Amino acid sequence: MDAIILQILNGLDKGSAYALIALGLTLIFGTLGVVNFAHGALFMIGAFCAVTLSRLLSLSHKVEVPGAVDFLGNPQMRDVPYIYDIFGESLGAGIIDWAVPLSILFAIPVMILIGVIMERGLIKHFYKRPHADQILVTFGLAIVLQEIIKYYYGANPIPTPAPSAFVGSFDFGALVGFEPGTIIYPYWRLVYFAFAAVIIGAVFAFLQFTTFGMVVRAGMADRETVGLLGINIDKRFTIMFGLAAAVAGLAGVMYTPINSPNYHMGMDFLVLSFVVVVVGGMGSLPGAVLAGFLLGILESFASMREVIAIIPGINQVIIYLVAIIILLTRPRGLMGRKGVMED
């Protein structure tokens, strides 16, 4: 039972990333009808927003250590972050320590701006083009963004630690009645799951309970009729593209302590997240979230040593096998709408 609970936790952790990326993909497809293969690159850019802010906060200058000299008699120097000069050493050290969560504030405007520029500068020209053209141009854009990140940040992963308050593991087993030490799980992975739940809940609440969201949902169902009512639905869809980019970016920001950012991390998640979207049903937001968590848990169980010993390599293909089975038995996906991508 403890192994089962641990794999469920692992699955929820991985499924959180899948669900957040798939949610953004589905928002873009549901509003604009565009299959955006550059969405994984937005996840990657979000992660590097955290790297960038962490580096900016750590910029330092040399100061002389009073009364200390090296073996040649020269004054010893030490690096002091500029932020210490502004906020003091104690608060400045705390800000640097919390660089990843603070990157959320940095990433939101950056990702919305990037999303709007992408939509207005490139994506809008492919609205009425075949999905194959959309896939090719957005996949090409993803490669360009990937190479830009590689040029400026290098090819090696960049460790970006979580705040020291969340370093270590939580005794989950003791919480649910098992022997202490039976189920140990990292704090930050629990934080990531909670963060994903908040973001997903916020997106659904925004679409469900705000006037803007209601108009967007109406536009997703019948774009022409909403346009005939005098509503500038294109402007609202552009904003939704920016919000979808922000969701992907925030997913990347908070994932950096789990998986050190690297230039190809977007591609690693994109393909799996696109499979999640297809399994959940193209255009279905609840389907994307449900499929993300279900496939994350399934992949986690398939990664157990006992399972791999019976079927070697099953953890690498299990998601694709499930996708094939679901699409053969239910071509629209788990919660897909009639007529979406069926023409």
Protein backbone atom coordinates (compact mmCIF):
# COMPACT_ATOMS: atom_id res chain seq x y z
CA MET A 1 0.00 0.00 0.00
CA ASP A 2 2.84 2.41 0.78
CA ALA A 3 4.32 1.80 -2.69
CA ILE A 4 0.93 2.51 -4.27
CA ILE A 5 0.54 5.80 -2.39
CA LEU A 6 4.08 6.84 -3.33
CA GLN A 7 3.43 6.16 -7.03
CA ILE A 8 0.17 8.11 -6.86
CA LEU A 9 2.07 11.06 -5.39
CA ASN A 10 4.69 10.77 -8.14
CA GLY A 11 1.92 10.61 -10.71
CA LEU A 12 0.16 13.69 -9.34
CA ASP A 13 3.47 15.57 -9.41
CA LYS A 14 4.19 14.66 -13.04
CA GLY A 15 0.54 14.95 -14.01
CA SER A 16 0.48 18.52 -12.66
CA ALA A 17 3.02 19.59 -15.27
CA TYR A 18 1.19 17.69 -18.02
CA ALA A 19 -2.16 19.18 -16.98
CA LEU A 20 -0.88 22.77 -16.87
CA ILE A 21 0.77 22.58 -20.30
CA ALA A 22 -2.18 20.70 -21.78
CA LEU A 23 -4.57 23.29 -20.31
CA GLY A 24 -2.75 26.07 -22.15
CA LEU A 25 -2.67 24.04 -25.37
CA THR A 26 -6.40 23.43 -25.12
CA LEU A 27 -7.15 27.08 -24.38
CA ILE A 28 -5.34 28.09 -27.58
CA PHE A 29 -6.94 25.38 -29.69
CA GLY A 30 -10.40 25.97 -28.24
CA THR A 31 -10.31 29.73 -28.81
CA LEU A 32 -8.21 30.18 -31.94
CA GLY A 33 -8.40 26.73 -33.52
CA VAL A 34 -4.61 26.64 -33.72
CA VAL A 35 -2.53 23.54 -32.98
CA ASN A 36 0.36 25.27 -31.19
CA PHE A 37 3.50 23.13 -31.18
CA ALA A 38 5.46 26.05 -29.73
CA HIS A 39 3.66 25.71 -26.42
CA GLY A 40 6.38 23.54 -24.92
CA ALA A 41 8.85 26.32 -25.68
CA LEU A 42 6.72 28.66 -23.54
CA PHE A 43 7.11 26.19 -20.66
CA MET A 44 10.87 26.32 -21.23
CA ILE A 45 10.95 30.13 -21.37
CA GLY A 46 9.05 30.25 -18.08
CA ALA A 47 11.72 28.06 -16.50
CA PHE A 48 14.44 30.37 -17.78
CA CYS A 49 12.56 33.36 -16.37
CA ALA A 50 13.32 31.82 -12.98
CA VAL A 51 16.97 31.32 -13.98
CA THR A 52 17.21 34.91 -15.19
CA LEU A 53 15.71 36.46 -12.06
CA SER A 54 17.88 34.26 -9.86
CA ARG A 55 20.98 35.50 -11.69
CA LEU A 56 19.85 39.13 -11.57
CA LEU A 57 19.24 38.95 -7.82
CA SER A 58 22.68 37.38 -7.34
CA LEU A 59 24.63 40.08 -9.21
CA SER A 60 27.38 41.24 -6.88
CA HIS A 61 30.30 43.59 -6.46
CA LYS A 62 33.61 43.31 -4.63
CA VAL A 63 34.05 44.83 -1.17
CA GLU A 64 37.06 44.81 1.10
CA VAL A 65 36.97 42.60 4.19
CA PRO A 66 37.97 44.85 7.13
CA GLY A 67 41.27 43.82 8.72
CA ALA A 68 41.76 40.78 6.46
CA VAL A 69 44.69 40.32 4.08
CA ASP A 70 45.88 37.48 1.87
CA PHE A 71 49.34 35.86 2.04
CA LEU A 72 50.80 38.68 -0.09
CA GLY A 73 49.49 41.33 2.26
CA ASN A 74 46.76 42.52 -0.11
CA PRO A 75 43.29 43.29 1.29
CA GLN A 76 40.91 40.37 0.98
CA MET A 77 37.81 40.96 -1.09
CA ARG A 78 34.41 39.28 -1.01
CA ASP A 79 31.41 39.31 -3.29
CA VAL A 80 28.38 41.18 -1.97
CA PRO A 81 25.11 41.06 -3.95
CA TYR A 82 23.80 44.49 -4.89
CA ILE A 83 20.48 43.55 -3.34
CA TYR A 84 22.19 43.55 0.08
CA ASP A 85 22.93 47.24 -0.43
CA ILE A 86 19.26 47.94 -1.12
CA PHE A 87 17.45 45.77 1.43
CA GLY A 88 20.16 44.82 3.90
CA GLU A 89 21.95 41.50 4.22
CA SER A 90 19.23 39.57 6.05
CA LEU A 91 16.31 40.57 3.81
CA GLY A 92 18.47 40.47 0.70
CA ALA A 93 19.55 36.89 1.44
CA GLY A 94 15.89 35.94 1.94
CA ILE A 95 14.93 37.46 -1.42
CA ILE A 96 17.70 35.51 -3.18
CA ASP A 97 16.63 32.34 -1.39
CA TRP A 98 13.03 32.82 -2.58
CA ALA A 99 14.04 33.66 -6.15
CA VAL A 100 11.95 30.86 -7.70
CA PRO A 101 8.59 31.81 -6.13
CA LEU A 102 9.33 35.50 -6.75
CA SER A 103 9.93 34.64 -10.41
CA ILE A 104 6.17 34.20 -10.72
CA LEU A 105 5.80 38.00 -10.53
CA PHE A 106 8.53 38.38 -13.15
CA ALA A 107 7.26 35.65 -15.47
CA ILE A 108 3.58 36.69 -15.71
CA PRO A 109 4.09 39.97 -17.65
CA VAL A 110 6.97 38.49 -19.65
CA MET A 111 4.97 35.44 -20.74
CA ILE A 112 1.81 37.42 -21.53
CA LEU A 113 3.88 39.79 -23.69
CA ILE A 114 5.59 36.91 -25.49
CA GLY A 115 2.23 35.21 -26.06
CA VAL A 116 0.61 38.34 -27.50
CA ILE A 117 3.61 38.99 -29.77
CA MET A 118 3.51 35.38 -31.00
CA GLU A 119 -0.21 35.54 -31.71
CA ARG A 120 -0.21 38.95 -33.39
CA GLY A 121 3.07 38.52 -35.22
CA LEU A 122 2.78 34.97 -36.51
CA ILE A 123 -0.09 32.78 -35.38
CA LYS A 124 -2.89 35.04 -36.66
CA HIS A 125 -1.72 34.49 -40.24
CA PHE A 126 -2.43 30.75 -39.93
CA TYR A 127 -5.95 30.76 -38.49
CA LYS A 128 -7.57 29.56 -41.70
CA ARG A 129 -4.67 27.42 -42.86
CA PRO A 130 -4.69 23.59 -42.53
CA HIS A 131 -3.64 22.16 -39.16
CA ALA A 132 -0.57 20.66 -40.83
CA ASP A 133 0.65 24.17 -41.71
CA GLN A 134 0.01 25.33 -38.14
CA ILE A 135 2.00 22.42 -36.74
CA LEU A 136 4.93 23.05 -39.08
CA VAL A 137 5.20 26.79 -38.41
CA THR A 138 4.78 26.52 -34.64
CA PHE A 139 7.20 23.59 -34.46
CA GLY A 140 9.71 25.69 -36.40
CA LEU A 141 9.14 28.56 -33.98
CA ALA A 142 9.76 26.21 -31.05
CA ILE A 143 13.11 25.17 -32.53
CA VAL A 144 14.10 28.82 -33.02
CA LEU A 145 13.23 29.68 -29.41
CA GLN A 146 15.08 26.60 -28.22
CA GLU A 147 18.23 27.57 -30.08
CA ILE A 148 18.05 31.15 -28.76
CA ILE A 149 17.92 29.83 -25.20
CA LYS A 150 20.80 27.46 -25.96
CA TYR A 151 22.90 30.33 -27.35
CA TYR A 152 22.44 32.61 -24.33
CA TYR A 153 22.28 30.08 -21.49
CA GLY A 154 24.33 27.17 -22.82
CA ALA A 155 23.51 23.52 -23.38
CA ASN A 156 23.96 22.28 -19.81
CA PRO A 157 21.17 22.13 -17.20
CA ILE A 158 21.21 25.04 -14.75
CA PRO A 159 20.42 24.04 -11.14
CA THR A 160 17.84 26.40 -9.60
CA PRO A 161 17.16 25.44 -5.98
CA ALA A 162 13.90 25.74 -4.12
CA PRO A 163 13.73 28.03 -1.07
CA SER A 164 15.56 26.55 1.90
CA ALA A 165 12.24 26.34 3.79
CA PHE A 166 11.12 23.67 1.31
CA VAL A 167 14.36 21.71 1.07
CA GLY A 168 13.98 18.21 2.43
CA SER A 169 11.14 15.72 2.57
CA PHE A 170 7.79 15.35 4.29
CA ASP A 171 6.88 12.19 6.21
CA PHE A 172 3.64 11.52 4.35
CA GLY A 173 3.40 8.00 5.74
CA ALA A 174 3.07 9.20 9.32
CA LEU A 175 0.30 11.57 8.22
CA VAL A 176 -1.85 8.78 6.79
CA GLY A 177 -1.23 6.26 9.56
CA PHE A 178 1.81 4.30 8.34
CA GLU A 179 5.04 3.77 10.23
CA PRO A 180 7.19 6.94 10.33
CA GLY A 181 9.65 7.01 7.44
CA THR A 182 7.58 4.66 5.26
CA ILE A 183 6.51 7.26 2.70
CA ILE A 184 8.92 10.18 2.39
CA TYR A 185 8.14 12.77 -0.26
CA PRO A 186 9.94 16.03 -1.18
CA TYR A 187 8.27 19.20 0.07
CA TRP A 188 8.67 21.06 -3.21
CA ARG A 189 6.86 18.39 -5.23
CA LEU A 190 3.89 18.77 -2.89
CA VAL A 191 4.13 22.54 -3.33
CA TYR A 192 4.12 22.09 -7.11
CA PHE A 193 0.99 19.96 -7.00
CA ALA A 194 -0.77 22.52 -4.79
CA PHE A 195 0.37 25.33 -7.08
CA ALA A 196 -0.95 23.49 -10.15
CA ALA A 197 -4.30 22.93 -8.43
CA VAL A 198 -4.56 26.66 -7.65
CA ILE A 199 -3.70 27.70 -11.22
CA ILE A 200 -6.13 25.19 -12.74
CA GLY A 201 -8.86 26.28 -10.35
CA ALA A 202 -8.17 29.95 -11.12
CA VAL A 203 -8.40 29.37 -14.89
CA PHE A 204 -11.71 27.51 -14.59
CA ALA A 205 -13.10 30.13 -12.18
CA PHE A 206 -12.03 32.92 -14.56
CA LEU A 207 -13.78 31.27 -17.50
CA GLN A 208 -16.85 30.31 -15.48
CA PHE A 209 -17.59 33.33 -13.31
CA THR A 210 -16.26 36.43 -15.09
CA THR A 211 -17.98 38.28 -17.94
CA PHE A 212 -14.77 38.09 -19.97
CA GLY A 213 -14.59 34.33 -19.45
CA MET A 214 -18.25 33.83 -20.34
CA VAL A 215 -17.76 35.70 -23.62
CA VAL A 216 -14.67 33.60 -24.37
CA ARG A 217 -16.57 30.37 -23.71
CA ALA A 218 -19.39 31.59 -25.94
CA GLY A 219 -16.83 32.41 -28.63
CA MET A 220 -15.32 28.94 -28.32
CA ALA A 221 -18.78 27.45 -28.92
CA ASP A 222 -19.94 29.83 -31.71
CA ARG A 223 -17.44 32.46 -32.78
CA GLU A 224 -19.52 33.91 -35.62
CA THR A 225 -22.62 34.55 -33.50
CA VAL A 226 -20.61 36.31 -30.80
CA GLY A 227 -19.00 38.47 -33.47
CA LEU A 228 -22.42 39.42 -34.86
CA LEU A 229 -23.34 40.76 -31.40
CA GLY A 230 -20.71 43.46 -31.83
CA ILE A 231 -18.14 41.90 -29.50
CA ASN A 232 -14.49 42.06 -30.57
CA ILE A 233 -13.91 38.36 -29.98
CA ASP A 234 -10.53 38.42 -31.78
CA LYS A 235 -9.13 40.82 -29.17
CA ARG A 236 -10.37 38.60 -26.36
CA PHE A 237 -8.86 35.52 -27.99
CA THR A 238 -5.52 37.32 -28.29
CA ILE A 239 -5.65 38.01 -24.55
CA MET A 240 -6.46 34.33 -23.96
CA PHE A 241 -3.38 33.37 -25.98
CA GLY A 242 -1.33 35.55 -23.66
CA LEU A 243 -2.95 33.98 -20.59
CA ALA A 244 -2.32 30.48 -21.97
CA ALA A 245 1.33 31.43 -22.45
CA ALA A 246 1.41 32.68 -18.85
CA VAL A 247 -0.01 29.37 -17.57
CA ALA A 248 2.71 27.44 -19.43
CA GLY A 249 5.36 29.85 -18.18
CA LEU A 250 4.25 29.55 -14.55
CA ALA A 251 4.32 25.77 -14.88
CA GLY A 252 7.94 26.09 -16.04
CA VAL A 253 8.90 28.54 -13.29
CA MET A 254 7.79 26.30 -10.46
CA TYR A 255 9.20 23.15 -12.09
CA THR A 256 12.80 24.44 -12.07
CA PRO A 257 13.74 23.00 -8.63
CA ILE A 258 12.38 19.60 -9.75
CA ASN A 259 14.08 19.48 -13.14
CA SER A 260 17.05 21.80 -13.76
CA PRO A 261 16.20 24.03 -16.75
CA ASN A 262 17.78 23.11 -20.06
CA TYR A 263 17.13 24.22 -23.63
CA HIS A 264 15.31 21.04 -24.71
CA MET A 265 12.96 20.66 -21.73
CA GLY A 266 10.12 22.22 -23.72
CA MET A 267 10.28 19.55 -26.39
CA ASP A 268 10.45 16.84 -23.73
CA PHE A 269 7.11 17.94 -22.30
CA LEU A 270 5.43 19.09 -25.51
CA VAL A 271 4.94 15.73 -27.17
CA LEU A 272 3.60 14.11 -24.00
CA SER A 273 1.33 17.07 -23.28
CA PHE A 274 -0.04 17.01 -26.81
CA VAL A 275 -0.85 13.33 -26.34
CA VAL A 276 -2.61 14.34 -23.12
CA VAL A 277 -4.71 16.88 -25.05
CA VAL A 278 -5.69 14.29 -27.65
CA VAL A 279 -6.57 11.70 -25.01
CA GLY A 280 -8.60 14.25 -23.03
CA GLY A 281 -10.39 15.45 -26.16
CA MET A 282 -9.34 18.31 -28.44
CA GLY A 283 -10.88 21.53 -27.18
CA SER A 284 -12.00 20.10 -23.82
CA LEU A 285 -10.47 21.91 -20.84
CA PRO A 286 -11.74 19.41 -18.21
CA GLY A 287 -10.57 16.59 -20.47
CA ALA A 288 -7.06 18.03 -20.68
CA VAL A 289 -6.76 18.30 -16.90
CA LEU A 290 -8.27 14.86 -16.26
CA ALA A 291 -6.08 13.16 -18.86
CA GLY A 292 -2.98 14.96 -17.55
CA PHE A 293 -3.37 13.59 -14.04
CA LEU A 294 -4.52 10.12 -15.16
CA LEU A 295 -1.62 9.65 -17.58
CA GLY A 296 0.84 11.04 -15.05
CA ILE A 297 -0.28 8.45 -12.48
CA LEU A 298 -0.25 5.68 -15.09
CA GLU A 299 3.28 6.60 -16.18
CA SER A 300 4.37 6.61 -12.55
CA PHE A 301 3.07 3.08 -11.95
CA ALA A 302 4.67 1.90 -15.21
CA SER A 303 8.03 3.18 -13.91
CA MET A 304 8.04 0.80 -10.92
CA ARG A 305 10.91 -1.70 -10.93
CA GLU A 306 8.52 -4.62 -10.61
CA VAL A 307 6.61 -3.55 -13.72
CA ILE A 308 9.74 -2.83 -15.78
CA ALA A 309 11.13 -6.24 -14.81
CA ILE A 310 8.07 -7.87 -16.39
CA ILE A 311 7.75 -5.56 -19.41
CA PRO A 312 11.07 -3.78 -20.07
CA GLY A 313 10.70 -0.23 -21.41
CA ILE A 314 6.95 -0.04 -20.72
CA ASN A 315 7.43 3.26 -18.86
CA GLN A 316 8.66 4.88 -22.09
CA VAL A 317 5.64 3.92 -24.20
CA ILE A 318 2.74 3.46 -21.80
CA ILE A 319 1.23 6.90 -22.51
CA TYR A 320 1.30 6.28 -26.26
CA LEU A 321 -0.23 2.82 -25.88
CA VAL A 322 -3.06 4.24 -23.80
CA ALA A 323 -3.57 7.01 -26.36
CA ILE A 324 -3.84 4.45 -29.16
CA ILE A 325 -6.35 2.35 -27.21
CA ILE A 326 -8.51 5.36 -26.27
CA LEU A 327 -8.50 6.80 -29.80
CA LEU A 328 -9.43 3.42 -31.29
CA THR A 329 -12.34 3.00 -28.88
CA ARG A 330 -13.30 6.66 -28.44
CA PRO A 331 -11.89 8.79 -31.29
CA ARG A 332 -12.95 12.10 -29.71
CA GLY A 333 -10.99 11.39 -26.53
CA LEU A 334 -12.34 11.12 -23.02
CA MET A 335 -14.31 14.38 -23.06
CA GLY A 336 -13.98 15.62 -26.65
CA ARG A 337 -16.71 17.60 -28.37
CA LYS A 338 -18.48 16.40 -31.50
CA GLY A 339 -17.09 17.82 -34.71
CA VAL A 340 -13.73 19.01 -33.35
CA MET A 341 -10.99 18.08 -35.86
CA GLU A 342 -13.30 15.54 -37.49
CA ASP A 343 -13.56 17.28 -40.87
